[in-house]
Amino acid sequence: MRGAKLYNTVEITKVEIPVSTETNDQSVWGVVTWEDIDPRTKFFGIFVQGLTNAYRLGANSQGQIVHLQKTLQLNFWRPGDPFNLREGEIRYGIPAYTDPTDLARTLAFYNLPDRVDHLWIYR
């Protein structure tokens, strides 16, 4: 939303997100930054919780009931090399590989059946 406050990494964790409707957008915007990322990183996902209060009950490996939060998974990749790092080389989504082997390897990394840039999961 144009003109809305952009919260930093610390501030956004303290902001209550109001309910929006089709006619009343009450979205909240924030930015997160990281330092000391391994320069060899090619693919990564960011998991965002707290955007919704949706949940599911599941079971862990010991059969205990666990509370799973609805979580937004955002996928990213970096086409550069570890020697010439530039922030503009971070790309949103999953690369559109034409080689089926490269695509299969990348989908396996993200644990995805198909190429998607983001998805909602419960974790």
PDB file of N, CA and C in Angstrom:
ATOM      1  N   MET A   1       0.845  -1.171   0.000  1.00  0.00           N
ATOM      2  CA  MET A   1       0.000   0.000   0.000  1.00  0.00           C
ATOM      3  C   MET A   1       0.891   1.234   0.000  1.00  0.00           C
ATOM      4  N   ARG A   2       0.717   2.081  -0.944  1.00  0.00           N
ATOM      5  CA  ARG A   2       1.519   3.295  -1.086  1.00  0.00           C
ATOM      6  C   ARG A   2       1.346   4.191   0.145  1.00  0.00           C
ATOM      7  N   GLY A   3       2.486   4.651   0.693  1.00  0.00           N
ATOM      8  CA  GLY A   3       2.453   5.545   1.844  1.00  0.00           C
ATOM      9  C   GLY A   3       2.363   4.839   3.177  1.00  0.00           C
ATOM     10  N   ALA A   4       2.232   3.522   3.185  1.00  0.00           N
ATOM     11  CA  ALA A   4       2.140   2.793   4.449  1.00  0.00           C
ATOM     12  C   ALA A   4       3.511   2.731   5.107  1.00  0.00           C
ATOM     13  N   LYS A   5       3.532   2.666   6.412  1.00  0.00           N
ATOM     14  CA  LYS A   5       4.792   2.543   7.151  1.00  0.00           C
ATOM     15  C   LYS A   5       5.425   1.196   6.816  1.00  0.00           C
ATOM     16  N   LEU A   6       6.729   1.201   6.623  1.00  0.00           N
ATOM     17  CA  LEU A   6       7.498  -0.008   6.385  1.00  0.00           C
ATOM     18  C   LEU A   6       8.245  -0.325   7.669  1.00  0.00           C
ATOM     19  N   TYR A   7       7.847  -1.406   8.342  1.00  0.00           N
ATOM     20  CA  TYR A   7       8.431  -1.765   9.624  1.00  0.00           C
ATOM     21  C   TYR A   7       9.739  -2.520   9.432  1.00  0.00           C
ATOM     22  N   ASN A   8      10.674  -2.336  10.369  1.00  0.00           N
ATOM     23  CA  ASN A   8      11.937  -3.058  10.289  1.00  0.00           C
ATOM     24  C   ASN A   8      11.803  -4.440  10.939  1.00  0.00           C
ATOM     25  N   THR A   9      12.884  -5.176  10.970  1.00  0.00           N
ATOM     26  CA  THR A   9      12.899  -6.549  11.454  1.00  0.00           C
ATOM     27  C   THR A   9      12.338  -6.684  12.862  1.00  0.00           C
ATOM     28  N   VAL A  10      12.677  -5.779  13.746  1.00  0.00           N
ATOM     29  CA  VAL A  10      12.221  -5.849  15.138  1.00  0.00           C
ATOM     30  C   VAL A  10      10.791  -5.336  15.266  1.00  0.00           C
ATOM     31  N   GLU A  11      10.496  -4.207  14.655  1.00  0.00           N
ATOM     32  CA  GLU A  11       9.168  -3.599  14.781  1.00  0.00           C
ATOM     33  C   GLU A  11       8.060  -4.512  14.273  1.00  0.00           C
ATOM     34  N   ILE A  12       8.290  -5.188  13.148  1.00  0.00           N
ATOM     35  CA  ILE A  12       7.228  -5.998  12.524  1.00  0.00           C
ATOM     36  C   ILE A  12       6.769  -7.132  13.430  1.00  0.00           C
ATOM     37  N   THR A  13       7.654  -7.614  14.309  1.00  0.00           N
ATOM     38  CA  THR A  13       7.270  -8.709  15.201  1.00  0.00           C
ATOM     39  C   THR A  13       6.294  -8.270  16.279  1.00  0.00           C
ATOM     40  N   LYS A  14       6.167  -6.955  16.482  1.00  0.00           N
ATOM     41  CA  LYS A  14       5.299  -6.430  17.546  1.00  0.00           C
ATOM     42  C   LYS A  14       3.995  -5.838  17.017  1.00  0.00           C
ATOM     43  N   VAL A  15       3.818  -5.853  15.701  1.00  0.00           N
ATOM     44  CA  VAL A  15       2.652  -5.220  15.095  1.00  0.00           C
ATOM     45  C   VAL A  15       1.513  -6.229  14.973  1.00  0.00           C
ATOM     46  N   GLU A  16       0.354  -5.849  15.485  1.00  0.00           N
ATOM     47  CA  GLU A  16      -0.831  -6.682  15.281  1.00  0.00           C
ATOM     48  C   GLU A  16      -1.346  -6.430  13.871  1.00  0.00           C
ATOM     49  N   ILE A  17      -1.670  -7.506  13.170  1.00  0.00           N
ATOM     50  CA  ILE A  17      -2.140  -7.375  11.793  1.00  0.00           C
ATOM     51  C   ILE A  17      -3.665  -7.351  11.811  1.00  0.00           C
ATOM     52  N   PRO A  18      -4.267  -6.205  11.470  1.00  0.00           N
ATOM     53  CA  PRO A  18      -5.737  -6.130  11.476  1.00  0.00           C
ATOM     54  C   PRO A  18      -6.330  -6.906  10.306  1.00  0.00           C
ATOM     55  N   VAL A  19      -7.584  -7.241  10.441  1.00  0.00           N
ATOM     56  CA  VAL A  19      -8.292  -7.975   9.393  1.00  0.00           C
ATOM     57  C   VAL A  19      -8.629  -7.022   8.246  1.00  0.00           C
ATOM     58  N   SER A  20      -8.304  -7.438   7.035  1.00  0.00           N
ATOM     59  CA  SER A  20      -8.659  -6.666   5.847  1.00  0.00           C
ATOM     60  C   SER A  20      -9.900  -7.275   5.204  1.00  0.00           C
ATOM     61  N   THR A  21     -10.602  -6.463   4.452  1.00  0.00           N
ATOM     62  CA  THR A  21     -11.740  -6.933   3.669  1.00  0.00           C
ATOM     63  C   THR A  21     -11.493  -6.527   2.220  1.00  0.00           C
ATOM     64  N   GLU A  22     -12.384  -6.912   1.344  1.00  0.00           N
ATOM     65  CA  GLU A  22     -12.241  -6.533  -0.066  1.00  0.00           C
ATOM     66  C   GLU A  22     -12.258  -5.020  -0.256  1.00  0.00           C
ATOM     67  N   THR A  23     -12.959  -4.307   0.613  1.00  0.00           N
ATOM     68  CA  THR A  23     -13.080  -2.856   0.466  1.00  0.00           C
ATOM     69  C   THR A  23     -12.183  -2.068   1.421  1.00  0.00           C
ATOM     70  N   ASN A  24     -11.567  -2.738   2.398  1.00  0.00           N
ATOM     71  CA  ASN A  24     -10.753  -2.046   3.397  1.00  0.00           C
ATOM     72  C   ASN A  24      -9.426  -2.784   3.588  1.00  0.00           C
ATOM     73  N   ASP A  25      -8.398  -2.343   2.854  1.00  0.00           N
ATOM     74  CA  ASP A  25      -7.077  -2.964   2.940  1.00  0.00           C
ATOM     75  C   ASP A  25      -6.351  -2.432   4.171  1.00  0.00           C
ATOM     76  N   GLN A  26      -6.064  -3.311   5.109  1.00  0.00           N
ATOM     77  CA  GLN A  26      -5.337  -2.928   6.316  1.00  0.00           C
ATOM     78  C   GLN A  26      -4.006  -3.678   6.396  1.00  0.00           C
ATOM     79  N   SER A  27      -3.395  -3.909   5.250  1.00  0.00           N
ATOM     80  CA  SER A  27      -2.154  -4.679   5.210  1.00  0.00           C
ATOM     81  C   SER A  27      -1.042  -3.968   5.973  1.00  0.00           C
ATOM     82  N   VAL A  28      -0.106  -4.774   6.448  1.00  0.00           N
ATOM     83  CA  VAL A  28       1.055  -4.287   7.181  1.00  0.00           C
ATOM     84  C   VAL A  28       2.283  -4.741   6.411  1.00  0.00           C
ATOM     85  N   TRP A  29       3.263  -3.845   6.238  1.00  0.00           N
ATOM     86  CA  TRP A  29       4.449  -4.148   5.444  1.00  0.00           C
ATOM     87  C   TRP A  29       5.700  -4.081   6.302  1.00  0.00           C
ATOM     88  N   GLY A  30       6.607  -5.014   6.054  1.00  0.00           N
ATOM     89  CA  GLY A  30       7.865  -5.027   6.794  1.00  0.00           C
ATOM     90  C   GLY A  30       8.994  -5.532   5.929  1.00  0.00           C
ATOM     91  N   VAL A  31      10.196  -5.313   6.392  1.00  0.00           N
ATOM     92  CA  VAL A  31      11.393  -5.761   5.687  1.00  0.00           C
ATOM     93  C   VAL A  31      12.267  -6.517   6.685  1.00  0.00           C
ATOM     94  N   VAL A  32      12.913  -7.543   6.196  1.00  0.00           N
ATOM     95  CA  VAL A  32      13.809  -8.344   7.018  1.00  0.00           C
ATOM     96  C   VAL A  32      15.144  -8.428   6.293  1.00  0.00           C
ATOM     97  N   THR A  33      16.221  -8.337   7.045  1.00  0.00           N
ATOM     98  CA  THR A  33      17.552  -8.448   6.452  1.00  0.00           C
ATOM     99  C   THR A  33      18.373  -9.476   7.222  1.00  0.00           C
ATOM    100  N   TRP A  34      19.370 -10.028   6.549  1.00  0.00           N
ATOM    101  CA  TRP A  34      20.266 -11.007   7.156  1.00  0.00           C
ATOM    102  C   TRP A  34      21.695 -10.574   6.915  1.00  0.00           C
ATOM    103  N   GLU A  35      22.585 -11.039   7.774  1.00  0.00           N
ATOM    104  CA  GLU A  35      24.009 -10.804   7.612  1.00  0.00           C
ATOM    105  C   GLU A  35      24.735 -12.146   7.648  1.00  0.00           C
ATOM    106  N   ASP A  36      25.941 -12.147   7.114  1.00  0.00           N
ATOM    107  CA  ASP A  36      26.825 -13.318   7.172  1.00  0.00           C
ATOM    108  C   ASP A  36      26.212 -14.564   6.545  1.00  0.00           C
ATOM    109  N   ILE A  37      25.580 -14.412   5.405  1.00  0.00           N
ATOM    110  CA  ILE A  37      25.035 -15.546   4.671  1.00  0.00           C
ATOM    111  C   ILE A  37      26.176 -16.251   3.936  1.00  0.00           C
ATOM    112  N   ASP A  38      26.161 -17.559   3.945  1.00  0.00           N
ATOM    113  CA  ASP A  38      27.180 -18.335   3.233  1.00  0.00           C
ATOM    114  C   ASP A  38      27.142 -17.939   1.751  1.00  0.00           C
ATOM    115  N   PRO A  39      28.242 -17.449   1.181  1.00  0.00           N
ATOM    116  CA  PRO A  39      28.237 -16.991  -0.214  1.00  0.00           C
ATOM    117  C   PRO A  39      28.006 -18.109  -1.224  1.00  0.00           C
ATOM    118  N   ARG A  40      28.082 -19.367  -0.786  1.00  0.00           N
ATOM    119  CA  ARG A  40      27.824 -20.493  -1.695  1.00  0.00           C
ATOM    120  C   ARG A  40      26.340 -20.827  -1.794  1.00  0.00           C
ATOM    121  N   THR A  41      25.500 -20.128  -1.018  1.00  0.00           N
ATOM    122  CA  THR A  41      24.063 -20.390  -1.022  1.00  0.00           C
ATOM    123  C   THR A  41      23.479 -20.104  -2.397  1.00  0.00           C
ATOM    124  N   LYS A  42      22.786 -21.082  -2.974  1.00  0.00           N
ATOM    125  CA  LYS A  42      22.151 -20.927  -4.285  1.00  0.00           C
ATOM    126  C   LYS A  42      20.630 -20.865  -4.167  1.00  0.00           C
ATOM    127  N   PHE A  43      20.063 -21.690  -3.290  1.00  0.00           N
ATOM    128  CA  PHE A  43      18.617 -21.795  -3.129  1.00  0.00           C
ATOM    129  C   PHE A  43      18.279 -21.663  -1.651  1.00  0.00           C
ATOM    130  N   PHE A  44      17.176 -20.961  -1.363  1.00  0.00           N
ATOM    131  CA  PHE A  44      16.729 -20.890   0.018  1.00  0.00           C
ATOM    132  C   PHE A  44      15.250 -20.550   0.071  1.00  0.00           C
ATOM    133  N   GLY A  45      14.637 -20.905   1.172  1.00  0.00           N
ATOM    134  CA  GLY A  45      13.238 -20.603   1.407  1.00  0.00           C
ATOM    135  C   GLY A  45      13.103 -19.827   2.704  1.00  0.00           C
ATOM    136  N   ILE A  46      12.133 -18.960   2.754  1.00  0.00           N
ATOM    137  CA  ILE A  46      11.825 -18.203   3.959  1.00  0.00           C
ATOM    138  C   ILE A  46      10.423 -18.599   4.387  1.00  0.00           C
ATOM    139  N   PHE A  47      10.272 -18.903   5.666  1.00  0.00           N
ATOM    140  CA  PHE A  47       8.995 -19.340   6.210  1.00  0.00           C
ATOM    141  C   PHE A  47       8.456 -18.240   7.116  1.00  0.00           C
ATOM    142  N   VAL A  48       7.252 -17.739   6.800  1.00  0.00           N
ATOM    143  CA  VAL A  48       6.659 -16.618   7.524  1.00  0.00           C
ATOM    144  C   VAL A  48       5.418 -17.120   8.253  1.00  0.00           C
ATOM    145  N   GLN A  49       5.407 -16.934   9.569  1.00  0.00           N
ATOM    146  CA  GLN A  49       4.245 -17.294  10.371  1.00  0.00           C
ATOM    147  C   GLN A  49       3.642 -16.035  10.977  1.00  0.00           C
ATOM    148  N   GLY A  50       2.402 -16.118  11.395  1.00  0.00           N
ATOM    149  CA  GLY A  50       1.734 -14.991  12.027  1.00  0.00           C
ATOM    150  C   GLY A  50       0.899 -14.161  11.074  1.00  0.00           C
ATOM    151  N   LEU A  51       0.820 -14.565   9.812  1.00  0.00           N
ATOM    152  CA  LEU A  51       0.007 -13.831   8.845  1.00  0.00           C
ATOM    153  C   LEU A  51      -1.460 -14.225   8.943  1.00  0.00           C
ATOM    154  N   THR A  52      -1.711 -15.352   9.556  1.00  0.00           N
ATOM    155  CA  THR A  52      -3.066 -15.864   9.732  1.00  0.00           C
ATOM    156  C   THR A  52      -3.106 -16.640  11.031  1.00  0.00           C
ATOM    157  N   ASN A  53      -4.291 -16.800  11.588  1.00  0.00           N
ATOM    158  CA  ASN A  53      -4.407 -17.605  12.809  1.00  0.00           C
ATOM    159  C   ASN A  53      -4.870 -19.035  12.497  1.00  0.00           C
ATOM    160  N   ALA A  54      -4.827 -19.425  11.234  1.00  0.00           N
ATOM    161  CA  ALA A  54      -5.222 -20.780  10.850  1.00  0.00           C
ATOM    162  C   ALA A  54      -4.219 -21.797  11.401  1.00  0.00           C
ATOM    163  N   TYR A  55      -4.724 -22.944  11.801  1.00  0.00           N
ATOM    164  CA  TYR A  55      -3.867 -23.999  12.311  1.00  0.00           C
ATOM    165  C   TYR A  55      -4.495 -25.362  12.045  1.00  0.00           C
ATOM    166  N   ARG A  56      -3.703 -26.390  12.223  1.00  0.00           N
ATOM    167  CA  ARG A  56      -4.157 -27.775  12.156  1.00  0.00           C
ATOM    168  C   ARG A  56      -3.546 -28.526  13.320  1.00  0.00           C
ATOM    169  N   LEU A  57      -4.222 -29.563  13.718  1.00  0.00           N
ATOM    170  CA  LEU A  57      -3.641 -30.457  14.706  1.00  0.00           C
ATOM    171  C   LEU A  57      -3.056 -31.638  13.962  1.00  0.00           C
ATOM    172  N   GLY A  58      -1.860 -32.013  14.321  1.00  0.00           N
ATOM    173  CA  GLY A  58      -1.189 -33.139  13.687  1.00  0.00           C
ATOM    174  C   GLY A  58      -0.547 -34.004  14.747  1.00  0.00           C
ATOM    175  N   ALA A  59       0.251 -34.948  14.312  1.00  0.00           N
ATOM    176  CA  ALA A  59       0.957 -35.830  15.238  1.00  0.00           C
ATOM    177  C   ALA A  59       2.438 -35.826  14.904  1.00  0.00           C
ATOM    178  N   ASN A  60       3.283 -35.817  15.936  1.00  0.00           N
ATOM    179  CA  ASN A  60       4.724 -35.895  15.699  1.00  0.00           C
ATOM    180  C   ASN A  60       5.147 -37.359  15.603  1.00  0.00           C
ATOM    181  N   SER A  61       6.449 -37.605  15.487  1.00  0.00           N
ATOM    182  CA  SER A  61       6.937 -38.977  15.289  1.00  0.00           C
ATOM    183  C   SER A  61       6.674 -39.876  16.500  1.00  0.00           C
ATOM    184  N   GLN A  62       6.435 -39.299  17.675  1.00  0.00           N
ATOM    185  CA  GLN A  62       6.100 -40.090  18.865  1.00  0.00           C
ATOM    186  C   GLN A  62       4.593 -40.271  19.040  1.00  0.00           C
ATOM    187  N   GLY A  63       3.812 -39.763  18.083  1.00  0.00           N
ATOM    188  CA  GLY A  63       2.365 -39.906  18.145  1.00  0.00           C
ATOM    189  C   GLY A  63       1.685 -38.858  19.008  1.00  0.00           C
ATOM    190  N   GLN A  64       2.423 -37.865  19.473  1.00  0.00           N
ATOM    191  CA  GLN A  64       1.837 -36.812  20.292  1.00  0.00           C
ATOM    192  C   GLN A  64       1.142 -35.785  19.402  1.00  0.00           C
ATOM    193  N   ILE A  65       0.040 -35.232  19.898  1.00  0.00           N
ATOM    194  CA  ILE A  65      -0.686 -34.196  19.158  1.00  0.00           C
ATOM    195  C   ILE A  65       0.141 -32.914  19.172  1.00  0.00           C
ATOM    196  N   VAL A  66       0.290 -32.301  18.000  1.00  0.00           N
ATOM    197  CA  VAL A  66       1.024 -31.041  17.888  1.00  0.00           C
ATOM    198  C   VAL A  66       0.175 -30.015  17.154  1.00  0.00           C
ATOM    199  N   HIS A  67       0.428 -28.766  17.464  1.00  0.00           N
ATOM    200  CA  HIS A  67      -0.278 -27.631  16.866  1.00  0.00           C
ATOM    201  C   HIS A  67       0.561 -27.137  15.696  1.00  0.00           C
ATOM    202  N   LEU A  68       0.030 -27.166  14.472  1.00  0.00           N
ATOM    203  CA  LEU A  68       0.754 -26.733  13.277  1.00  0.00           C
ATOM    204  C   LEU A  68       0.181 -25.408  12.793  1.00  0.00           C
ATOM    205  N   GLN A  69       1.033 -24.404  12.654  1.00  0.00           N
ATOM    206  CA  GLN A  69       0.590 -23.087  12.199  1.00  0.00           C
ATOM    207  C   GLN A  69       0.622 -23.001  10.683  1.00  0.00           C
ATOM    208  N   LYS A  70      -0.352 -22.315  10.114  1.00  0.00           N
ATOM    209  CA  LYS A  70      -0.320 -22.058   8.678  1.00  0.00           C
ATOM    210  C   LYS A  70       0.836 -21.100   8.410  1.00  0.00           C
ATOM    211  N   THR A  71       1.698 -21.488   7.486  1.00  0.00           N
ATOM    212  CA  THR A  71       2.967 -20.804   7.249  1.00  0.00           C
ATOM    213  C   THR A  71       3.130 -20.536   5.760  1.00  0.00           C
ATOM    214  N   LEU A  72       3.574 -19.341   5.424  1.00  0.00           N
ATOM    215  CA  LEU A  72       3.846 -18.992   4.036  1.00  0.00           C
ATOM    216  C   LEU A  72       5.304 -19.305   3.730  1.00  0.00           C
ATOM    217  N   GLN A  73       5.537 -20.155   2.728  1.00  0.00           N
ATOM    218  CA  GLN A  73       6.888 -20.481   2.277  1.00  0.00           C
ATOM    219  C   GLN A  73       7.173 -19.676   1.018  1.00  0.00           C
ATOM    220  N   LEU A  74       8.211 -18.825   1.087  1.00  0.00           N
ATOM    221  CA  LEU A  74       8.649 -18.021  -0.051  1.00  0.00           C
ATOM    222  C   LEU A  74       9.976 -18.585  -0.541  1.00  0.00           C
ATOM    223  N   ASN A  75      10.056 -18.933  -1.815  1.00  0.00           N
ATOM    224  CA  ASN A  75      11.252 -19.551  -2.383  1.00  0.00           C
ATOM    225  C   ASN A  75      12.082 -18.525  -3.141  1.00  0.00           C
ATOM    226  N   PHE A  76      13.412 -18.638  -3.016  1.00  0.00           N
ATOM    227  CA  PHE A  76      14.343 -17.728  -3.676  1.00  0.00           C
ATOM    228  C   PHE A  76      15.524 -18.513  -4.230  1.00  0.00           C
ATOM    229  N   TRP A  77      16.233 -17.897  -5.163  1.00  0.00           N
ATOM    230  CA  TRP A  77      17.462 -18.489  -5.695  1.00  0.00           C
ATOM    231  C   TRP A  77      18.418 -17.390  -6.103  1.00  0.00           C
ATOM    232  N   ARG A  78      19.697 -17.740  -6.219  1.00  0.00           N
ATOM    233  CA  ARG A  78      20.723 -16.771  -6.567  1.00  0.00           C
ATOM    234  C   ARG A  78      21.563 -17.326  -7.714  1.00  0.00           C
ATOM    235  N   PRO A  79      21.479 -16.714  -8.880  1.00  0.00           N
ATOM    236  CA  PRO A  79      22.187 -17.232 -10.047  1.00  0.00           C
ATOM    237  C   PRO A  79      23.674 -16.881 -10.086  1.00  0.00           C
ATOM    238  N   GLY A  80      24.154 -16.002  -9.203  1.00  0.00           N
ATOM    239  CA  GLY A  80      25.545 -15.559  -9.239  1.00  0.00           C
ATOM    240  C   GLY A  80      26.510 -16.599  -8.704  1.00  0.00           C
ATOM    241  N   ASP A  81      27.747 -16.177  -8.549  1.00  0.00           N
ATOM    242  CA  ASP A  81      28.766 -17.061  -7.981  1.00  0.00           C
ATOM    243  C   ASP A  81      29.193 -16.526  -6.615  1.00  0.00           C
ATOM    244  N   PRO A  82      29.939 -17.312  -5.832  1.00  0.00           N
ATOM    245  CA  PRO A  82      30.291 -16.876  -4.477  1.00  0.00           C
ATOM    246  C   PRO A  82      31.374 -15.793  -4.426  1.00  0.00           C
ATOM    247  N   PHE A  83      31.902 -15.365  -5.574  1.00  0.00           N
ATOM    248  CA  PHE A  83      33.008 -14.421  -5.575  1.00  0.00           C
ATOM    249  C   PHE A  83      32.596 -13.002  -5.937  1.00  0.00           C
ATOM    250  N   ASN A  84      31.490 -12.846  -6.635  1.00  0.00           N
ATOM    251  CA  ASN A  84      31.052 -11.525  -7.069  1.00  0.00           C
ATOM    252  C   ASN A  84      29.599 -11.338  -6.625  1.00  0.00           C
ATOM    253  N   LEU A  85      29.409 -11.110  -5.329  1.00  0.00           N
ATOM    254  CA  LEU A  85      28.065 -11.049  -4.757  1.00  0.00           C
ATOM    255  C   LEU A  85      27.442  -9.680  -4.963  1.00  0.00           C
ATOM    256  N   ARG A  86      26.182  -9.685  -5.418  1.00  0.00           N
ATOM    257  CA  ARG A  86      25.406  -8.455  -5.573  1.00  0.00           C
ATOM    258  C   ARG A  86      23.983  -8.753  -5.138  1.00  0.00           C
ATOM    259  N   GLU A  87      23.415  -7.852  -4.337  1.00  0.00           N
ATOM    260  CA  GLU A  87      22.079  -8.097  -3.800  1.00  0.00           C
ATOM    261  C   GLU A  87      21.022  -8.209  -4.888  1.00  0.00           C
ATOM    262  N   GLY A  88      21.239  -7.587  -6.039  1.00  0.00           N
ATOM    263  CA  GLY A  88      20.276  -7.665  -7.129  1.00  0.00           C
ATOM    264  C   GLY A  88      20.207  -9.032  -7.778  1.00  0.00           C
ATOM    265  N   GLU A  89      21.095  -9.924  -7.398  1.00  0.00           N
ATOM    266  CA  GLU A  89      21.109 -11.265  -7.983  1.00  0.00           C
ATOM    267  C   GLU A  89      20.232 -12.259  -7.225  1.00  0.00           C
ATOM    268  N   ILE A  90      19.551 -11.819  -6.195  1.00  0.00           N
ATOM    269  CA  ILE A  90      18.605 -12.692  -5.500  1.00  0.00           C
ATOM    270  C   ILE A  90      17.298 -12.638  -6.278  1.00  0.00           C
ATOM    271  N   ARG A  91      16.796 -13.806  -6.670  1.00  0.00           N
ATOM    272  CA  ARG A  91      15.571 -13.885  -7.474  1.00  0.00           C
ATOM    273  C   ARG A  91      14.471 -14.586  -6.689  1.00  0.00           C
ATOM    274  N   TYR A  92      13.274 -14.083  -6.832  1.00  0.00           N
ATOM    275  CA  TYR A  92      12.104 -14.692  -6.204  1.00  0.00           C
ATOM    276  C   TYR A  92      11.649 -15.880  -7.032  1.00  0.00           C
ATOM    277  N   GLY A  93      11.286 -16.959  -6.371  1.00  0.00           N
ATOM    278  CA  GLY A  93      10.724 -18.116  -7.047  1.00  0.00           C
ATOM    279  C   GLY A  93      11.728 -19.218  -7.271  1.00  0.00           C
ATOM    280  N   ILE A  94      11.367 -20.123  -8.156  1.00  0.00           N
ATOM    281  CA  ILE A  94      12.202 -21.270  -8.495  1.00  0.00           C
ATOM    282  C   ILE A  94      12.618 -21.105  -9.949  1.00  0.00           C
ATOM    283  N   PRO A  95      13.895 -21.338 -10.262  1.00  0.00           N
ATOM    284  CA  PRO A  95      14.335 -21.147 -11.646  1.00  0.00           C
ATOM    285  C   PRO A  95      13.566 -22.030 -12.624  1.00  0.00           C
ATOM    286  N   ALA A  96      13.336 -21.516 -13.807  1.00  0.00           N
ATOM    287  CA  ALA A  96      12.613 -22.254 -14.854  1.00  0.00           C
ATOM    288  C   ALA A  96      13.619 -23.065 -15.675  1.00  0.00           C
ATOM    289  N   TYR A  97      14.147 -24.109 -15.067  1.00  0.00           N
ATOM    290  CA  TYR A  97      15.114 -24.955 -15.763  1.00  0.00           C
ATOM    291  C   TYR A  97      14.458 -25.686 -16.921  1.00  0.00           C
ATOM    292  N   THR A  98      15.171 -25.799 -18.023  1.00  0.00           N
ATOM    293  CA  THR A  98      14.690 -26.602 -19.153  1.00  0.00           C
ATOM    294  C   THR A  98      15.209 -28.031 -19.058  1.00  0.00           C
ATOM    295  N   ASP A  99      16.319 -28.228 -18.357  1.00  0.00           N
ATOM    296  CA  ASP A  99      16.873 -29.559 -18.150  1.00  0.00           C
ATOM    297  C   ASP A  99      16.087 -30.250 -17.039  1.00  0.00           C
ATOM    298  N   PRO A 100      15.430 -31.375 -17.330  1.00  0.00           N
ATOM    299  CA  PRO A 100      14.610 -32.056 -16.321  1.00  0.00           C
ATOM    300  C   PRO A 100      15.403 -32.491 -15.084  1.00  0.00           C
ATOM    301  N   THR A 101      16.678 -32.817 -15.250  1.00  0.00           N
ATOM    302  CA  THR A 101      17.495 -33.234 -14.108  1.00  0.00           C
ATOM    303  C   THR A 101      17.727 -32.067 -13.157  1.00  0.00           C
ATOM    304  N   ASP A 102      18.042 -30.881 -13.707  1.00  0.00           N
ATOM    305  CA  ASP A 102      18.234 -29.695 -12.871  1.00  0.00           C
ATOM    306  C   ASP A 102      16.943 -29.327 -12.144  1.00  0.00           C
ATOM    307  N   LEU A 103      15.823 -29.386 -12.853  1.00  0.00           N
ATOM    308  CA  LEU A 103      14.541 -29.060 -12.233  1.00  0.00           C
ATOM    309  C   LEU A 103      14.205 -30.053 -11.133  1.00  0.00           C
ATOM    310  N   ALA A 104      14.389 -31.338 -11.383  1.00  0.00           N
ATOM    311  CA  ALA A 104      14.089 -32.371 -10.377  1.00  0.00           C
ATOM    312  C   ALA A 104      14.949 -32.174  -9.127  1.00  0.00           C
ATOM    313  N   ARG A 105      16.218 -31.855  -9.309  1.00  0.00           N
ATOM    314  CA  ARG A 105      17.121 -31.646  -8.171  1.00  0.00           C
ATOM    315  C   ARG A 105      16.666 -30.429  -7.347  1.00  0.00           C
ATOM    316  N   THR A 106      16.259 -29.369  -8.029  1.00  0.00           N
ATOM    317  CA  THR A 106      15.808 -28.173  -7.324  1.00  0.00           C
ATOM    318  C   THR A 106      14.497 -28.417  -6.604  1.00  0.00           C
ATOM    319  N   LEU A 107      13.551 -29.094  -7.236  1.00  0.00           N
ATOM    320  CA  LEU A 107      12.283 -29.404  -6.579  1.00  0.00           C
ATOM    321  C   LEU A 107      12.502 -30.288  -5.364  1.00  0.00           C
ATOM    322  N   ALA A 108      13.447 -31.204  -5.449  1.00  0.00           N
ATOM    323  CA  ALA A 108      13.760 -32.075  -4.310  1.00  0.00           C
ATOM    324  C   ALA A 108      14.328 -31.246  -3.156  1.00  0.00           C
ATOM    325  N   PHE A 109      15.165 -30.253  -3.473  1.00  0.00           N
ATOM    326  CA  PHE A 109      15.730 -29.391  -2.438  1.00  0.00           C
ATOM    327  C   PHE A 109      14.616 -28.695  -1.656  1.00  0.00           C
ATOM    328  N   TYR A 110      13.628 -28.172  -2.364  1.00  0.00           N
ATOM    329  CA  TYR A 110      12.518 -27.465  -1.728  1.00  0.00           C
ATOM    330  C   TYR A 110      11.421 -28.411  -1.238  1.00  0.00           C
ATOM    331  N   ASN A 111      11.562 -29.691  -1.523  1.00  0.00           N
ATOM    332  CA  ASN A 111      10.537 -30.689  -1.169  1.00  0.00           C
ATOM    333  C   ASN A 111       9.195 -30.331  -1.814  1.00  0.00           C
ATOM    334  N   LEU A 112       9.242 -30.051  -3.120  1.00  0.00           N
ATOM    335  CA  LEU A 112       8.042 -29.655  -3.863  1.00  0.00           C
ATOM    336  C   LEU A 112       7.770 -30.642  -4.998  1.00  0.00           C
ATOM    337  N   PRO A 113       6.489 -30.925  -5.278  1.00  0.00           N
ATOM    338  CA  PRO A 113       6.164 -31.781  -6.422  1.00  0.00           C
ATOM    339  C   PRO A 113       6.197 -31.029  -7.752  1.00  0.00           C
ATOM    340  N   ASP A 114       5.943 -29.708  -7.713  1.00  0.00           N
ATOM    341  CA  ASP A 114       5.880 -28.887  -8.920  1.00  0.00           C
ATOM    342  C   ASP A 114       6.597 -27.565  -8.672  1.00  0.00           C
ATOM    343  N   ARG A 115       6.878 -26.852  -9.739  1.00  0.00           N
ATOM    344  CA  ARG A 115       7.544 -25.555  -9.651  1.00  0.00           C
ATOM    345  C   ARG A 115       6.532 -24.493  -9.204  1.00  0.00           C
ATOM    346  N   VAL A 116       6.700 -23.994  -7.982  1.00  0.00           N
ATOM    347  CA  VAL A 116       5.875 -22.909  -7.443  1.00  0.00           C
ATOM    348  C   VAL A 116       6.797 -21.910  -6.745  1.00  0.00           C
ATOM    349  N   ASP A 117       6.431 -20.656  -6.784  1.00  0.00           N
ATOM    350  CA  ASP A 117       7.263 -19.631  -6.168  1.00  0.00           C
ATOM    351  C   ASP A 117       6.976 -19.468  -4.681  1.00  0.00           C
ATOM    352  N   HIS A 118       5.745 -19.711  -4.293  1.00  0.00           N
ATOM    353  CA  HIS A 118       5.367 -19.667  -2.873  1.00  0.00           C
ATOM    354  C   HIS A 118       4.225 -20.642  -2.644  1.00  0.00           C
ATOM    355  N   LEU A 119       4.039 -21.014  -1.406  1.00  0.00           N
ATOM    356  CA  LEU A 119       2.916 -21.878  -1.063  1.00  0.00           C
ATOM    357  C   LEU A 119       2.634 -21.784   0.421  1.00  0.00           C
ATOM    358  N   TRP A 120       1.425 -22.161   0.768  1.00  0.00           N
ATOM    359  CA  TRP A 120       1.012 -22.216   2.170  1.00  0.00           C
ATOM    360  C   TRP A 120       1.181 -23.655   2.652  1.00  0.00           C
ATOM    361  N   ILE A 121       1.833 -23.793   3.796  1.00  0.00           N
ATOM    362  CA  ILE A 121       2.028 -25.114   4.403  1.00  0.00           C
ATOM    363  C   ILE A 121       1.674 -25.030   5.876  1.00  0.00           C
ATOM    364  N   TYR A 122       1.596 -26.164   6.522  1.00  0.00           N
ATOM    365  CA  TYR A 122       1.389 -26.214   7.970  1.00  0.00           C
ATOM    366  C   TYR A 122       2.633 -26.810   8.592  1.00  0.00           C
ATOM    367  N   ARG A 123       3.224 -26.072   9.540  1.00  0.00           N
ATOM    368  CA  ARG A 123       4.405 -26.588  10.232  1.00  0.00           C
ATOM    369  C   ARG A 123       4.480 -26.080  11.642  1.00  0.00           C
TER     370      ARG A 123
END
